Protein backbone atom coordinates (compact mmCIF):
# COMPACT_ATOMS: atom_id res chain seq x y z
CA UNK A 1 138.11 40.73 34.73
CA UNK A 2 140.52 43.35 34.25
CA UNK A 3 143.34 42.84 32.63
CA UNK A 4 146.37 45.12 32.76
CA UNK A 5 147.50 46.96 29.70
CA UNK A 6 151.01 44.76 30.11
CA UNK A 7 149.50 41.55 31.44
CA UNK A 8 147.13 41.93 28.20
CA UNK A 9 150.21 39.17 26.15
CA UNK A 10 151.20 36.55 29.37
CA UNK A 11 146.86 36.66 29.66
CA UNK A 12 146.64 35.97 25.95
CA UNK A 13 149.26 33.24 26.26
CA UNK A 14 148.07 31.68 29.42
CA UNK A 15 144.50 31.63 27.16
CA UNK A 16 146.56 30.12 24.11
CA UNK A 17 148.33 27.27 25.98
CA UNK A 18 144.58 26.25 28.00
CA UNK A 19 142.64 26.02 24.63
CA UNK A 20 146.02 23.84 23.03
CA UNK A 21 147.23 26.22 21.00
CA UNK A 22 150.43 26.45 22.97
CA UNK A 23 152.79 24.59 25.02
CA UNK A 24 153.44 24.59 28.82
CA UNK A 25 156.66 25.42 27.46
CA UNK A 26 156.43 28.35 25.89
CA UNK A 27 155.77 29.82 29.67
CA UNK A 28 159.64 30.09 30.10
CA UNK A 29 159.79 32.76 26.64
CA UNK A 30 157.18 34.63 28.64
CA UNK A 31 159.18 37.99 29.54
CA UNK A 32 156.64 39.87 31.91
CA UNK A 33 155.92 37.28 34.73
CA UNK A 34 159.29 37.67 36.51
CA UNK A 35 158.52 41.14 36.71
CA UNK A 36 154.32 40.80 37.44
CA UNK A 37 153.24 38.44 40.93
CA UNK A 38 149.95 38.35 39.76
CA UNK A 39 151.28 37.34 36.10
CA UNK A 40 153.41 34.92 37.85
CA UNK A 41 150.23 33.41 40.02
CA UNK A 42 148.25 33.17 37.41
CA UNK A 43 150.56 30.96 35.25
CA UNK A 44 150.98 28.72 38.64
CA UNK A 45 147.30 28.75 38.45
CA UNK A 46 147.22 27.58 34.32
CA UNK A 47 149.24 25.17 35.70
CA UNK A 48 147.74 23.89 38.64
CA UNK A 49 145.13 23.69 36.39
CA UNK A 50 146.94 21.59 33.70
CA UNK A 51 148.33 19.43 35.80
CA UNK A 52 144.69 18.33 37.59
CA UNK A 53 142.85 18.33 33.98
CA UNK A 54 146.26 15.46 33.22
CA UNK A 55 146.47 13.61 35.69
CA UNK A 56 144.17 10.80 34.34
CA UNK A 57 141.64 10.90 37.28
CA UNK A 58 138.34 10.68 36.71
CA UNK A 59 135.94 13.29 35.90
CA UNK A 60 133.59 14.18 38.42
CA UNK A 61 129.67 12.87 38.01
CA UNK A 62 127.51 15.74 36.71
CA UNK A 63 124.06 14.80 38.76
CA UNK A 64 120.67 14.50 36.16
CA UNK A 65 118.89 17.39 38.30
CA UNK A 66 121.51 19.69 38.82
CA UNK A 67 120.11 23.17 37.46
């Protein structure tokens, strides 16, 4: 996936948050996202992913024969 040059700092921040190297609170300091619909959607998706992973729901069972 190609990332526009102006979006690079935001996508790097999203990756750091997903990797646990930054907190989701840092999204509020991103100056690019308010002007870019694509990056706002990326941040929204990252927040949704983090909320889902942190929801305490049991992880799905993966079938043994899944190839």
